Every structure is written in structure tokens, then in C-alpha cells.
Amino acid sequence: MRGWIYVISNKAMVGLVKVGHSTKDPRLRAEELDNTGSPYPYIVEVDVLVEEPYQIEQQVQRNMMHLSAGKEWFRCTPKEALKQILRVTNGKEIHISKYSEDLNEYSYLEEQWIKEGKKFIKIES
């Protein structure tokens, strides 16, 4: 089954990101979260289309347990969360959509993955 691993932030929660999974567009998930009473909108920082999103999400969250702020929220930057997602998806074909300006430097990842023969497909939004 295909779905997304996503990283969401909210400026009401500085220094925290939510790492989750969904079988629907992560932007819709962010809109759902907007109805939870936050004074600011939730922002999809990055999403990664993968096979078996639940299993990948669970492994990423286990790897980030030392950064846990509770439930699916972690004390880290979106870029740090993306690095964990890429570690877990190592060697799998993935599609990355970019939304956040501070995540626009994928070139170092692409170069490294090409050198190592890993699958990596970047999609700009």
C-alpha cells in the first residue's frame, strides 16, 4: 500500500515537528489538524510517498524516541526528521515533495544516494 510519511510544524509549537503517516494527501491532514484549536495553521514541511507508510513511520518514530515530546511530536527541525525518514527508507524508491523553504537543499542527499546506488526521486511542488 502506498502512502505518505509527513513532517508537519506549527509556529505555536516552536522547535517541534509532527512525524506521521497518511494514505491521503498530507496537506489535507494538516487542514484536519487546523480544526484542533491552534491559533496558527499547520504547515506540511515535507512529505515522502512510500510503500508501507505505517511500518516506515513506526521505525522512524522509534529511531527518534530520544527526541519525543509526546505522541507523534518531536523536538527537532524538519530537516532532522527528513534525515531519519531517509535512513529508514534506505534503498527504497521514494518520492519527495517539498513545501518548506528551508528544506530546498536536497542536492547533497541526491549526490550521496546516487554514489551509493540508492533510489531517490525528488518532486518539487
PDB file of N, CA and C in Angstrom:
ATOM      1  N   MET A   1       0.841  -1.175   0.000  1.00  0.00           N
ATOM      2  CA  MET A   1       0.000   0.000   0.000  1.00  0.00           C
ATOM      3  C   MET A   1       0.886   1.237   0.000  1.00  0.00           C
ATOM      4  N   ARG A   2       0.550   2.197  -0.828  1.00  0.00           N
ATOM      5  CA  ARG A   2       1.299   3.451  -0.890  1.00  0.00           C
ATOM      6  C   ARG A   2       0.661   4.489   0.021  1.00  0.00           C
ATOM      7  N   GLY A   3       1.493   5.362   0.542  1.00  0.00           N
ATOM      8  CA  GLY A   3       1.026   6.461   1.369  1.00  0.00           C
ATOM      9  C   GLY A   3       2.178   7.387   1.673  1.00  0.00           C
ATOM     10  N   TRP A   4       1.933   8.349   2.515  1.00  0.00           N
ATOM     11  CA  TRP A   4       2.926   9.377   2.807  1.00  0.00           C
ATOM     12  C   TRP A   4       3.412   9.291   4.238  1.00  0.00           C
ATOM     13  N   ILE A   5       4.680   9.591   4.395  1.00  0.00           N
ATOM     14  CA  ILE A   5       5.260   9.955   5.677  1.00  0.00           C
ATOM     15  C   ILE A   5       5.398  11.467   5.577  1.00  0.00           C
ATOM     16  N   TYR A   6       4.938  12.184   6.592  1.00  0.00           N
ATOM     17  CA  TYR A   6       4.980  13.640   6.506  1.00  0.00           C
ATOM     18  C   TYR A   6       5.601  14.240   7.753  1.00  0.00           C
ATOM     19  N   VAL A   7       6.083  15.462   7.584  1.00  0.00           N
ATOM     20  CA  VAL A   7       6.605  16.256   8.691  1.00  0.00           C
ATOM     21  C   VAL A   7       5.802  17.547   8.686  1.00  0.00           C
ATOM     22  N   ILE A   8       5.120  17.805   9.794  1.00  0.00           N
ATOM     23  CA  ILE A   8       4.250  18.974   9.935  1.00  0.00           C
ATOM     24  C   ILE A   8       4.753  19.825  11.091  1.00  0.00           C
ATOM     25  N   SER A   9       4.644  21.133  10.940  1.00  0.00           N
ATOM     26  CA  SER A   9       5.004  22.046  12.032  1.00  0.00           C
ATOM     27  C   SER A   9       3.878  23.044  12.249  1.00  0.00           C
ATOM     28  N   ASN A  10       4.005  23.776  13.349  1.00  0.00           N
ATOM     29  CA  ASN A  10       3.056  24.837  13.674  1.00  0.00           C
ATOM     30  C   ASN A  10       3.826  25.869  14.485  1.00  0.00           C
ATOM     31  N   LYS A  11       3.755  27.140  14.078  1.00  0.00           N
ATOM     32  CA  LYS A  11       4.574  28.135  14.779  1.00  0.00           C
ATOM     33  C   LYS A  11       4.124  28.376  16.212  1.00  0.00           C
ATOM     34  N   ALA A  12       3.012  27.814  16.612  1.00  0.00           N
ATOM     35  CA  ALA A  12       2.614  27.868  18.022  1.00  0.00           C
ATOM     36  C   ALA A  12       3.432  26.883  18.858  1.00  0.00           C
ATOM     37  N   MET A  13       4.107  25.956  18.195  1.00  0.00           N
ATOM     38  CA  MET A  13       4.912  24.937  18.879  1.00  0.00           C
ATOM     39  C   MET A  13       6.327  24.987  18.332  1.00  0.00           C
ATOM     40  N   VAL A  14       7.027  26.035  18.667  1.00  0.00           N
ATOM     41  CA  VAL A  14       8.380  26.269  18.159  1.00  0.00           C
ATOM     42  C   VAL A  14       9.303  25.124  18.584  1.00  0.00           C
ATOM     43  N   GLY A  15      10.067  24.637  17.618  1.00  0.00           N
ATOM     44  CA  GLY A  15      11.038  23.584  17.908  1.00  0.00           C
ATOM     45  C   GLY A  15      10.468  22.182  17.877  1.00  0.00           C
ATOM     46  N   LEU A  16       9.187  22.043  17.545  1.00  0.00           N
ATOM     47  CA  LEU A  16       8.558  20.726  17.477  1.00  0.00           C
ATOM     48  C   LEU A  16       8.067  20.450  16.058  1.00  0.00           C
ATOM     49  N   VAL A  17       8.140  19.180  15.659  1.00  0.00           N
ATOM     50  CA  VAL A  17       7.540  18.741  14.406  1.00  0.00           C
ATOM     51  C   VAL A  17       6.761  17.459  14.673  1.00  0.00           C
ATOM     52  N   LYS A  18       5.741  17.262  13.884  1.00  0.00           N
ATOM     53  CA  LYS A  18       4.938  16.041  13.945  1.00  0.00           C
ATOM     54  C   LYS A  18       5.380  15.157  12.795  1.00  0.00           C
ATOM     55  N   VAL A  19       5.690  13.913  13.086  1.00  0.00           N
ATOM     56  CA  VAL A  19       6.040  12.934  12.066  1.00  0.00           C
ATOM     57  C   VAL A  19       4.931  11.893  12.067  1.00  0.00           C
ATOM     58  N   GLY A  20       4.219  11.806  10.950  1.00  0.00           N
ATOM     59  CA  GLY A  20       3.103  10.877  10.872  1.00  0.00           C
ATOM     60  C   GLY A  20       3.021  10.232   9.505  1.00  0.00           C
ATOM     61  N   HIS A  21       1.935   9.478   9.309  1.00  0.00           N
ATOM     62  CA  HIS A  21       1.709   8.857   8.005  1.00  0.00           C
ATOM     63  C   HIS A  21       0.242   9.019   7.637  1.00  0.00           C
ATOM     64  N   SER A  22      -0.030   8.935   6.344  1.00  0.00           N
ATOM     65  CA  SER A  22      -1.395   9.071   5.854  1.00  0.00           C
ATOM     66  C   SER A  22      -1.500   8.425   4.489  1.00  0.00           C
ATOM     67  N   THR A  23      -2.675   7.915   4.182  1.00  0.00           N
ATOM     68  CA  THR A  23      -2.903   7.400   2.832  1.00  0.00           C
ATOM     69  C   THR A  23      -3.558   8.475   1.961  1.00  0.00           C
ATOM     70  N   LYS A  24      -3.824   9.636   2.552  1.00  0.00           N
ATOM     71  CA  LYS A  24      -4.339  10.754   1.758  1.00  0.00           C
ATOM     72  C   LYS A  24      -3.326  11.885   1.777  1.00  0.00           C
ATOM     73  N   ASP A  25      -3.532  12.858   0.921  1.00  0.00           N
ATOM     74  CA  ASP A  25      -2.610  13.981   0.785  1.00  0.00           C
ATOM     75  C   ASP A  25      -2.318  14.610   2.146  1.00  0.00           C
ATOM     76  N   PRO A  26      -1.046  14.740   2.518  1.00  0.00           N
ATOM     77  CA  PRO A  26      -0.696  15.330   3.815  1.00  0.00           C
ATOM     78  C   PRO A  26      -1.221  16.750   4.015  1.00  0.00           C
ATOM     79  N   ARG A  27      -1.430  17.486   2.939  1.00  0.00           N
ATOM     80  CA  ARG A  27      -1.996  18.834   3.100  1.00  0.00           C
ATOM     81  C   ARG A  27      -3.408  18.761   3.650  1.00  0.00           C
ATOM     82  N   LEU A  28      -4.147  17.702   3.284  1.00  0.00           N
ATOM     83  CA  LEU A  28      -5.485  17.508   3.856  1.00  0.00           C
ATOM     84  C   LEU A  28      -5.376  17.173   5.336  1.00  0.00           C
ATOM     85  N   ARG A  29      -4.366  16.392   5.683  1.00  0.00           N
ATOM     86  CA  ARG A  29      -4.144  16.056   7.104  1.00  0.00           C
ATOM     87  C   ARG A  29      -3.835  17.322   7.892  1.00  0.00           C
ATOM     88  N   ALA A  30      -3.027  18.209   7.337  1.00  0.00           N
ATOM     89  CA  ALA A  30      -2.711  19.467   8.018  1.00  0.00           C
ATOM     90  C   ALA A  30      -3.968  20.300   8.200  1.00  0.00           C
ATOM     91  N   GLU A  31      -4.840  20.308   7.204  1.00  0.00           N
ATOM     92  CA  GLU A  31      -6.098  21.045   7.317  1.00  0.00           C
ATOM     93  C   GLU A  31      -6.978  20.467   8.415  1.00  0.00           C
ATOM     94  N   GLU A  32      -6.970  19.133   8.552  1.00  0.00           N
ATOM     95  CA  GLU A  32      -7.730  18.499   9.641  1.00  0.00           C
ATOM     96  C   GLU A  32      -7.198  18.963  10.993  1.00  0.00           C
ATOM     97  N   LEU A  33      -5.890  19.030  11.128  1.00  0.00           N
ATOM     98  CA  LEU A  33      -5.287  19.472  12.382  1.00  0.00           C
ATOM     99  C   LEU A  33      -5.625  20.927  12.681  1.00  0.00           C
ATOM    100  N   ASP A  34      -5.837  21.721  11.631  1.00  0.00           N
ATOM    101  CA  ASP A  34      -6.197  23.127  11.834  1.00  0.00           C
ATOM    102  C   ASP A  34      -7.485  23.272  12.635  1.00  0.00           C
ATOM    103  N   ASN A  35      -8.303  22.243  12.641  1.00  0.00           N
ATOM    104  CA  ASN A  35      -9.566  22.289  13.375  1.00  0.00           C
ATOM    105  C   ASN A  35      -9.418  21.876  14.839  1.00  0.00           C
ATOM    106  N   THR A  36      -8.187  21.754  15.322  1.00  0.00           N
ATOM    107  CA  THR A  36      -7.964  21.309  16.703  1.00  0.00           C
ATOM    108  C   THR A  36      -7.737  22.457  17.672  1.00  0.00           C
ATOM    109  N   GLY A  37      -7.920  23.691  17.222  1.00  0.00           N
ATOM    110  CA  GLY A  37      -7.857  24.825  18.133  1.00  0.00           C
ATOM    111  C   GLY A  37      -6.551  25.580  18.175  1.00  0.00           C
ATOM    112  N   SER A  38      -5.609  25.279  17.299  1.00  0.00           N
ATOM    113  CA  SER A  38      -4.352  26.017  17.287  1.00  0.00           C
ATOM    114  C   SER A  38      -4.574  27.412  16.704  1.00  0.00           C
ATOM    115  N   PRO A  39      -3.891  28.416  17.249  1.00  0.00           N
ATOM    116  CA  PRO A  39      -4.058  29.768  16.716  1.00  0.00           C
ATOM    117  C   PRO A  39      -3.383  29.972  15.357  1.00  0.00           C
ATOM    118  N   TYR A  40      -2.520  29.039  14.940  1.00  0.00           N
ATOM    119  CA  TYR A  40      -1.810  29.147  13.669  1.00  0.00           C
ATOM    120  C   TYR A  40      -2.063  27.891  12.841  1.00  0.00           C
ATOM    121  N   PRO A  41      -1.954  28.011  11.530  1.00  0.00           N
ATOM    122  CA  PRO A  41      -2.155  26.828  10.682  1.00  0.00           C
ATOM    123  C   PRO A  41      -0.983  25.854  10.783  1.00  0.00           C
ATOM    124  N   TYR A  42      -1.269  24.598  10.526  1.00  0.00           N
ATOM    125  CA  TYR A  42      -0.244  23.571  10.453  1.00  0.00           C
ATOM    126  C   TYR A  42       0.345  23.595   9.045  1.00  0.00           C
ATOM    127  N   ILE A  43       1.649  23.434   8.959  1.00  0.00           N
ATOM    128  CA  ILE A  43       2.370  23.519   7.699  1.00  0.00           C
ATOM    129  C   ILE A  43       3.017  22.175   7.396  1.00  0.00           C
ATOM    130  N   VAL A  44       2.784  21.659   6.188  1.00  0.00           N
ATOM    131  CA  VAL A  44       3.491  20.452   5.746  1.00  0.00           C
ATOM    132  C   VAL A  44       4.881  20.892   5.317  1.00  0.00           C
ATOM    133  N   GLU A  45       5.870  20.503   6.077  1.00  0.00           N
ATOM    134  CA  GLU A  45       7.253  20.863   5.765  1.00  0.00           C
ATOM    135  C   GLU A  45       7.794  20.022   4.625  1.00  0.00           C
ATOM    136  N   VAL A  46       7.472  18.749   4.653  1.00  0.00           N
ATOM    137  CA  VAL A  46       7.924  17.811   3.619  1.00  0.00           C
ATOM    138  C   VAL A  46       7.026  16.589   3.689  1.00  0.00           C
ATOM    139  N   ASP A  47       6.822  15.955   2.541  1.00  0.00           N
ATOM    140  CA  ASP A  47       6.172  14.648   2.560  1.00  0.00           C
ATOM    141  C   ASP A  47       6.924  13.704   1.641  1.00  0.00           C
ATOM    142  N   VAL A  48       6.853  12.428   1.977  1.00  0.00           N
ATOM    143  CA  VAL A  48       7.585  11.402   1.243  1.00  0.00           C
ATOM    144  C   VAL A  48       6.599  10.283   0.903  1.00  0.00           C
ATOM    145  N   LEU A  49       6.378  10.061  -0.376  1.00  0.00           N
ATOM    146  CA  LEU A  49       5.491   8.996  -0.827  1.00  0.00           C
ATOM    147  C   LEU A  49       6.279   7.694  -0.843  1.00  0.00           C
ATOM    148  N   VAL A  50       5.751   6.684  -0.137  1.00  0.00           N
ATOM    149  CA  VAL A  50       6.469   5.420   0.050  1.00  0.00           C
ATOM    150  C   VAL A  50       5.493   4.243  -0.013  1.00  0.00           C
ATOM    151  N   GLU A  51       6.051   3.072  -0.130  1.00  0.00           N
ATOM    152  CA  GLU A  51       5.293   1.837   0.085  1.00  0.00           C
ATOM    153  C   GLU A  51       5.336   1.546   1.586  1.00  0.00           C
ATOM    154  N   GLU A  52       4.281   1.022   2.125  1.00  0.00           N
ATOM    155  CA  GLU A  52       4.194   0.639   3.545  1.00  0.00           C
ATOM    156  C   GLU A  52       4.449   1.821   4.488  1.00  0.00           C
ATOM    157  N   PRO A  53       3.664   2.880   4.374  1.00  0.00           N
ATOM    158  CA  PRO A  53       3.918   4.075   5.187  1.00  0.00           C
ATOM    159  C   PRO A  53       3.810   3.849   6.695  1.00  0.00           C
ATOM    160  N   TYR A  54       2.890   3.003   7.132  1.00  0.00           N
ATOM    161  CA  TYR A  54       2.735   2.789   8.574  1.00  0.00           C
ATOM    162  C   TYR A  54       4.004   2.177   9.165  1.00  0.00           C
ATOM    163  N   GLN A  55       4.525   1.159   8.504  1.00  0.00           N
ATOM    164  CA  GLN A  55       5.726   0.494   9.023  1.00  0.00           C
ATOM    165  C   GLN A  55       6.910   1.452   9.041  1.00  0.00           C
ATOM    166  N   ILE A  56       7.042   2.255   8.000  1.00  0.00           N
ATOM    167  CA  ILE A  56       8.144   3.215   7.951  1.00  0.00           C
ATOM    168  C   ILE A  56       7.979   4.268   9.034  1.00  0.00           C
ATOM    169  N   GLU A  57       6.766   4.779   9.206  1.00  0.00           N
ATOM    170  CA  GLU A  57       6.511   5.766  10.263  1.00  0.00           C
ATOM    171  C   GLU A  57       6.892   5.207  11.633  1.00  0.00           C
ATOM    172  N   GLN A  58       6.493   3.979  11.903  1.00  0.00           N
ATOM    173  CA  GLN A  58       6.785   3.376  13.201  1.00  0.00           C
ATOM    174  C   GLN A  58       8.292   3.275  13.446  1.00  0.00           C
ATOM    175  N   GLN A  59       9.050   2.883  12.434  1.00  0.00           N
ATOM    176  CA  GLN A  59      10.501   2.780  12.587  1.00  0.00           C
ATOM    177  C   GLN A  59      11.134   4.148  12.780  1.00  0.00           C
ATOM    178  N   VAL A  60      10.685   5.136  12.006  1.00  0.00           N
ATOM    179  CA  VAL A  60      11.213   6.498  12.155  1.00  0.00           C
ATOM    180  C   VAL A  60      10.948   6.989  13.572  1.00  0.00           C
ATOM    181  N   GLN A  61       9.736   6.799  14.063  1.00  0.00           N
ATOM    182  CA  GLN A  61       9.399   7.263  15.410  1.00  0.00           C
ATOM    183  C   GLN A  61      10.210   6.533  16.478  1.00  0.00           C
ATOM    184  N   ARG A  62      10.461   5.249  16.288  1.00  0.00           N
ATOM    185  CA  ARG A  62      11.318   4.525  17.247  1.00  0.00           C
ATOM    186  C   ARG A  62      12.727   5.112  17.236  1.00  0.00           C
ATOM    187  N   ASN A  63      13.242   5.410  16.036  1.00  0.00           N
ATOM    188  CA  ASN A  63      14.587   5.973  15.921  1.00  0.00           C
ATOM    189  C   ASN A  63      14.681   7.356  16.562  1.00  0.00           C
ATOM    190  N   MET A  64      13.562   8.067  16.620  1.00  0.00           N
ATOM    191  CA  MET A  64      13.549   9.433  17.149  1.00  0.00           C
ATOM    192  C   MET A  64      13.038   9.503  18.588  1.00  0.00           C
ATOM    193  N   MET A  65      12.842   8.366  19.227  1.00  0.00           N
ATOM    194  CA  MET A  65      12.253   8.326  20.571  1.00  0.00           C
ATOM    195  C   MET A  65      12.986   9.246  21.553  1.00  0.00           C
ATOM    196  N   HIS A  66      14.293   9.371  21.418  1.00  0.00           N
ATOM    197  CA  HIS A  66      15.069  10.231  22.320  1.00  0.00           C
ATOM    198  C   HIS A  66      14.716  11.713  22.149  1.00  0.00           C
ATOM    199  N   LEU A  67      14.007  12.046  21.062  1.00  0.00           N
ATOM    200  CA  LEU A  67      13.596  13.429  20.793  1.00  0.00           C
ATOM    201  C   LEU A  67      12.107  13.641  21.048  1.00  0.00           C
ATOM    202  N   SER A  68      11.442  12.625  21.566  1.00  0.00           N
ATOM    203  CA  SER A  68       9.991  12.671  21.704  1.00  0.00           C
ATOM    204  C   SER A  68       9.516  13.762  22.663  1.00  0.00           C
ATOM    205  N   ALA A  69       8.495  14.477  22.199  1.00  0.00           N
ATOM    206  CA  ALA A  69       7.828  15.468  23.040  1.00  0.00           C
ATOM    207  C   ALA A  69       6.429  14.959  23.402  1.00  0.00           C
ATOM    208  N   GLY A  70       6.120  13.743  23.006  1.00  0.00           N
ATOM    209  CA  GLY A  70       4.819  13.146  23.263  1.00  0.00           C
ATOM    210  C   GLY A  70       4.088  12.833  21.975  1.00  0.00           C
ATOM    211  N   LYS A  71       3.464  11.660  21.951  1.00  0.00           N
ATOM    212  CA  LYS A  71       2.732  11.176  20.787  1.00  0.00           C
ATOM    213  C   LYS A  71       3.615  11.236  19.542  1.00  0.00           C
ATOM    214  N   GLU A  72       3.173  11.905  18.495  1.00  0.00           N
ATOM    215  CA  GLU A  72       3.937  11.951  17.239  1.00  0.00           C
ATOM    216  C   GLU A  72       4.746  13.230  17.094  1.00  0.00           C
ATOM    217  N   TRP A  73       4.975  13.942  18.181  1.00  0.00           N
ATOM    218  CA  TRP A  73       5.697  15.223  18.149  1.00  0.00           C
ATOM    219  C   TRP A  73       7.121  15.031  18.655  1.00  0.00           C
ATOM    220  N   PHE A  74       8.072  15.685  17.952  1.00  0.00           N
ATOM    221  CA  PHE A  74       9.482  15.510  18.272  1.00  0.00           C
ATOM    222  C   PHE A  74      10.190  16.854  18.325  1.00  0.00           C
ATOM    223  N   ARG A  75      11.167  16.947  19.219  1.00  0.00           N
ATOM    224  CA  ARG A  75      11.979  18.159  19.363  1.00  0.00           C
ATOM    225  C   ARG A  75      13.139  18.101  18.374  1.00  0.00           C
ATOM    226  N   CYS A  76      12.889  18.582  17.178  1.00  0.00           N
ATOM    227  CA  CYS A  76      13.918  18.609  16.146  1.00  0.00           C
ATOM    228  C   CYS A  76      13.454  19.511  15.015  1.00  0.00           C
ATOM    229  N   THR A  77      14.329  19.709  14.049  1.00  0.00           N
ATOM    230  CA  THR A  77      13.974  20.504  12.878  1.00  0.00           C
ATOM    231  C   THR A  77      13.337  19.589  11.826  1.00  0.00           C
ATOM    232  N   PRO A  78      12.632  20.163  10.869  1.00  0.00           N
ATOM    233  CA  PRO A  78      12.106  19.349   9.772  1.00  0.00           C
ATOM    234  C   PRO A  78      13.213  18.609   9.023  1.00  0.00           C
ATOM    235  N   LYS A  79      14.347  19.253   8.850  1.00  0.00           N
ATOM    236  CA  LYS A  79      15.456  18.621   8.135  1.00  0.00           C
ATOM    237  C   LYS A  79      15.971  17.396   8.898  1.00  0.00           C
ATOM    238  N   GLU A  80      16.048  17.496  10.232  1.00  0.00           N
ATOM    239  CA  GLU A  80      16.481  16.344  11.033  1.00  0.00           C
ATOM    240  C   GLU A  80      15.484  15.192  10.906  1.00  0.00           C
ATOM    241  N   ALA A  81      14.199  15.519  10.891  1.00  0.00           N
ATOM    242  CA  ALA A  81      13.178  14.481  10.723  1.00  0.00           C
ATOM    243  C   ALA A  81      13.301  13.830   9.350  1.00  0.00           C
ATOM    244  N   LEU A  82      13.532  14.635   8.322  1.00  0.00           N
ATOM    245  CA  LEU A  82      13.696  14.095   6.977  1.00  0.00           C
ATOM    246  C   LEU A  82      14.893  13.153   6.916  1.00  0.00           C
ATOM    247  N   LYS A  83      15.977  13.501   7.562  1.00  0.00           N
ATOM    248  CA  LYS A  83      17.152  12.616   7.568  1.00  0.00           C
ATOM    249  C   LYS A  83      16.803  11.253   8.164  1.00  0.00           C
ATOM    250  N   GLN A  84      15.987  11.231   9.225  1.00  0.00           N
ATOM    251  CA  GLN A  84      15.572   9.957   9.821  1.00  0.00           C
ATOM    252  C   GLN A  84      14.695   9.161   8.864  1.00  0.00           C
ATOM    253  N   ILE A  85      13.803   9.859   8.165  1.00  0.00           N
ATOM    254  CA  ILE A  85      12.950   9.182   7.182  1.00  0.00           C
ATOM    255  C   ILE A  85      13.813   8.554   6.095  1.00  0.00           C
ATOM    256  N   LEU A  86      14.808   9.288   5.632  1.00  0.00           N
ATOM    257  CA  LEU A  86      15.685   8.764   4.580  1.00  0.00           C
ATOM    258  C   LEU A  86      16.518   7.587   5.068  1.00  0.00           C
ATOM    259  N   ARG A  87      16.905   7.596   6.337  1.00  0.00           N
ATOM    260  CA  ARG A  87      17.654   6.447   6.879  1.00  0.00           C
ATOM    261  C   ARG A  87      16.789   5.189   6.850  1.00  0.00           C
ATOM    262  N   VAL A  88      15.523   5.339   7.234  1.00  0.00           N
ATOM    263  CA  VAL A  88      14.635   4.181   7.286  1.00  0.00           C
ATOM    264  C   VAL A  88      14.267   3.702   5.880  1.00  0.00           C
ATOM    265  N   THR A  89      14.127   4.609   4.941  1.00  0.00           N
ATOM    266  CA  THR A  89      13.756   4.231   3.570  1.00  0.00           C
ATOM    267  C   THR A  89      14.976   3.910   2.721  1.00  0.00           C
ATOM    268  N   ASN A  90      16.111   3.769   3.326  1.00  0.00           N
ATOM    269  CA  ASN A  90      17.372   3.496   2.646  1.00  0.00           C
ATOM    270  C   ASN A  90      17.226   2.401   1.587  1.00  0.00           C
ATOM    271  N   GLY A  91      17.474   2.760   0.330  1.00  0.00           N
ATOM    272  CA  GLY A  91      17.436   1.783  -0.745  1.00  0.00           C
ATOM    273  C   GLY A  91      16.074   1.577  -1.376  1.00  0.00           C
ATOM    274  N   LYS A  92      15.035   2.162  -0.795  1.00  0.00           N
ATOM    275  CA  LYS A  92      13.701   2.039  -1.359  1.00  0.00           C
ATOM    276  C   LYS A  92      13.426   3.222  -2.283  1.00  0.00           C
ATOM    277  N   GLU A  93      12.561   3.013  -3.252  1.00  0.00           N
ATOM    278  CA  GLU A  93      12.177   4.124  -4.116  1.00  0.00           C
ATOM    279  C   GLU A  93      11.228   5.029  -3.353  1.00  0.00           C
ATOM    280  N   ILE A  94      11.548   6.301  -3.329  1.00  0.00           N
ATOM    281  CA  ILE A  94      10.713   7.271  -2.627  1.00  0.00           C
ATOM    282  C   ILE A  94      10.495   8.478  -3.523  1.00  0.00           C
ATOM    283  N   HIS A  95       9.429   9.188  -3.245  1.00  0.00           N
ATOM    284  CA  HIS A  95       9.116  10.426  -3.956  1.00  0.00           C
ATOM    285  C   HIS A  95       8.963  11.506  -2.896  1.00  0.00           C
ATOM    286  N   ILE A  96       9.761  12.556  -2.995  1.00  0.00           N
ATOM    287  CA  ILE A  96       9.718  13.626  -2.006  1.00  0.00           C
ATOM    288  C   ILE A  96       9.078  14.854  -2.618  1.00  0.00           C
ATOM    289  N   SER A  97       8.112  15.405  -1.900  1.00  0.00           N
ATOM    290  CA  SER A  97       7.536  16.698  -2.275  1.00  0.00           C
ATOM    291  C   SER A  97       8.057  17.719  -1.285  1.00  0.00           C
ATOM    292  N   LYS A  98       8.393  18.868  -1.770  1.00  0.00           N
ATOM    293  CA  LYS A  98       8.947  19.910  -0.908  1.00  0.00           C
ATOM    294  C   LYS A  98       7.943  21.044  -0.774  1.00  0.00           C
ATOM    295  N   TYR A  99       7.782  21.507   0.432  1.00  0.00           N
ATOM    296  CA  TYR A  99       6.942  22.664   0.680  1.00  0.00           C
ATOM    297  C   TYR A  99       7.729  23.749   1.401  1.00  0.00           C
ATOM    298  N   SER A 100       8.548  23.367   2.334  1.00  0.00           N
ATOM    299  CA  SER A 100       9.227  24.321   3.192  1.00  0.00           C
ATOM    300  C   SER A 100      10.481  24.881   2.525  1.00  0.00           C
ATOM    301  N   GLU A 101      10.652  26.172   2.626  1.00  0.00           N
ATOM    302  CA  GLU A 101      11.819  26.832   2.032  1.00  0.00           C
ATOM    303  C   GLU A 101      13.136  26.339   2.616  1.00  0.00           C
ATOM    304  N   ASP A 102      13.163  26.025   3.907  1.00  0.00           N
ATOM    305  CA  ASP A 102      14.434  25.620   4.498  1.00  0.00           C
ATOM    306  C   ASP A 102      14.813  24.182   4.163  1.00  0.00           C
ATOM    307  N   LEU A 103      13.979  23.480   3.423  1.00  0.00           N
ATOM    308  CA  LEU A 103      14.310  22.119   3.014  1.00  0.00           C
ATOM    309  C   LEU A 103      14.645  22.042   1.532  1.00  0.00           C
ATOM    310  N   ASN A 104      15.004  23.163   0.919  1.00  0.00           N
ATOM    311  CA  ASN A 104      15.203  23.164  -0.522  1.00  0.00           C
ATOM    312  C   ASN A 104      16.590  22.691  -0.947  1.00  0.00           C
ATOM    313  N   GLU A 105      17.359  22.177  -0.048  1.00  0.00           N
ATOM    314  CA  GLU A 105      18.695  21.700  -0.409  1.00  0.00           C
ATOM    315  C   GLU A 105      18.742  20.179  -0.373  1.00  0.00           C
ATOM    316  N   TYR A 106      18.180  19.546  -1.382  1.00  0.00           N
ATOM    317  CA  TYR A 106      18.237  18.094  -1.475  1.00  0.00           C
ATOM    318  C   TYR A 106      19.469  17.623  -2.219  1.00  0.00           C
ATOM    319  N   SER A 107      20.200  18.543  -2.835  1.00  0.00           N
ATOM    320  CA  SER A 107      21.296  18.127  -3.712  1.00  0.00           C
ATOM    321  C   SER A 107      22.300  17.239  -2.984  1.00  0.00           C
ATOM    322  N   TYR A 108      22.608  17.563  -1.721  1.00  0.00           N
ATOM    323  CA  TYR A 108      23.587  16.734  -1.007  1.00  0.00           C
ATOM    324  C   TYR A 108      23.055  15.320  -0.808  1.00  0.00           C
ATOM    325  N   LEU A 109      21.752  15.178  -0.624  1.00  0.00           N
ATOM    326  CA  LEU A 109      21.167  13.851  -0.464  1.00  0.00           C
ATOM    327  C   LEU A 109      21.185  13.100  -1.788  1.00  0.00           C
ATOM    328  N   GLU A 110      20.776  13.785  -2.852  1.00  0.00           N
ATOM    329  CA  GLU A 110      20.753  13.138  -4.162  1.00  0.00           C
ATOM    330  C   GLU A 110      22.137  12.670  -4.560  1.00  0.00           C
ATOM    331  N   GLU A 111      23.148  13.516  -4.382  1.00  0.00           N
ATOM    332  CA  GLU A 111      24.509  13.130  -4.743  1.00  0.00           C
ATOM    333  C   GLU A 111      24.955  11.906  -3.961  1.00  0.00           C
ATOM    334  N   GLN A 112      24.689  11.897  -2.663  1.00  0.00           N
ATOM    335  CA  GLN A 112      25.091  10.773  -1.828  1.00  0.00           C
ATOM    336  C   GLN A 112      24.360   9.508  -2.244  1.00  0.00           C
ATOM    337  N   TRP A 113      23.057   9.624  -2.486  1.00  0.00           N
ATOM    338  CA  TRP A 113      22.283   8.442  -2.860  1.00  0.00           C
ATOM    339  C   TRP A 113      22.700   7.917  -4.221  1.00  0.00           C
ATOM    340  N   ILE A 114      23.036   8.799  -5.152  1.00  0.00           N
ATOM    341  CA  ILE A 114      23.496   8.361  -6.470  1.00  0.00           C
ATOM    342  C   ILE A 114      24.809   7.610  -6.321  1.00  0.00           C
ATOM    343  N   LYS A 115      25.721   8.136  -5.497  1.00  0.00           N
ATOM    344  CA  LYS A 115      27.008   7.474  -5.271  1.00  0.00           C
ATOM    345  C   LYS A 115      26.811   6.081  -4.691  1.00  0.00           C
ATOM    346  N   GLU A 116      25.831   5.941  -3.814  1.00  0.00           N
ATOM    347  CA  GLU A 116      25.606   4.662  -3.140  1.00  0.00           C
ATOM    348  C   GLU A 116      24.643   3.760  -3.903  1.00  0.00           C
ATOM    349  N   GLY A 117      24.121   4.238  -5.050  1.00  0.00           N
ATOM    350  CA  GLY A 117      23.236   3.412  -5.855  1.00  0.00           C
ATOM    351  C   GLY A 117      21.847   3.238  -5.277  1.00  0.00           C
ATOM    352  N   LYS A 118      21.393   4.173  -4.460  1.00  0.00           N
ATOM    353  CA  LYS A 118      20.065   4.088  -3.856  1.00  0.00           C
ATOM    354  C   LYS A 118      19.045   4.775  -4.747  1.00  0.00           C
ATOM    355  N   LYS A 119      17.797   4.446  -4.542  1.00  0.00           N
ATOM    356  CA  LYS A 119      16.724   5.051  -5.336  1.00  0.00           C
ATOM    357  C   LYS A 119      16.249   6.328  -4.646  1.00  0.00           C
ATOM    358  N   PHE A 120      16.124   7.382  -5.407  1.00  0.00           N
ATOM    359  CA  PHE A 120      15.712   8.666  -4.847  1.00  0.00           C
ATOM    360  C   PHE A 120      15.067   9.465  -5.955  1.00  0.00           C
ATOM    361  N   ILE A 121      13.823   9.836  -5.798  1.00  0.00           N
ATOM    362  CA  ILE A 121      13.136  10.640  -6.786  1.00  0.00           C
ATOM    363  C   ILE A 121      12.587  11.868  -6.092  1.00  0.00           C
ATOM    364  N   LYS A 122      12.951  13.033  -6.568  1.00  0.00           N
ATOM    365  CA  LYS A 122      12.530  14.292  -5.953  1.00  0.00           C
ATOM    366  C   LYS A 122      11.430  14.920  -6.805  1.00  0.00           C
ATOM    367  N   ILE A 123      10.388  15.370  -6.149  1.00  0.00           N
ATOM    368  CA  ILE A 123       9.306  16.064  -6.837  1.00  0.00           C
ATOM    369  C   ILE A 123       9.169  17.438  -6.203  1.00  0.00           C
ATOM    370  N   GLU A 124       9.316  18.474  -6.988  1.00  0.00           N
ATOM    371  CA  GLU A 124       9.138  19.831  -6.485  1.00  0.00           C
ATOM    372  C   GLU A 124       7.664  20.188  -6.547  1.00  0.00           C
ATOM    373  N   SER A 125       7.175  20.846  -5.535  1.00  0.00           N
ATOM    374  CA  SER A 125       5.781  21.279  -5.575  1.00  0.00           C
ATOM    375  C   SER A 125       5.692  22.733  -5.960  1.00  0.00           C
TER     376      SER A 125
END
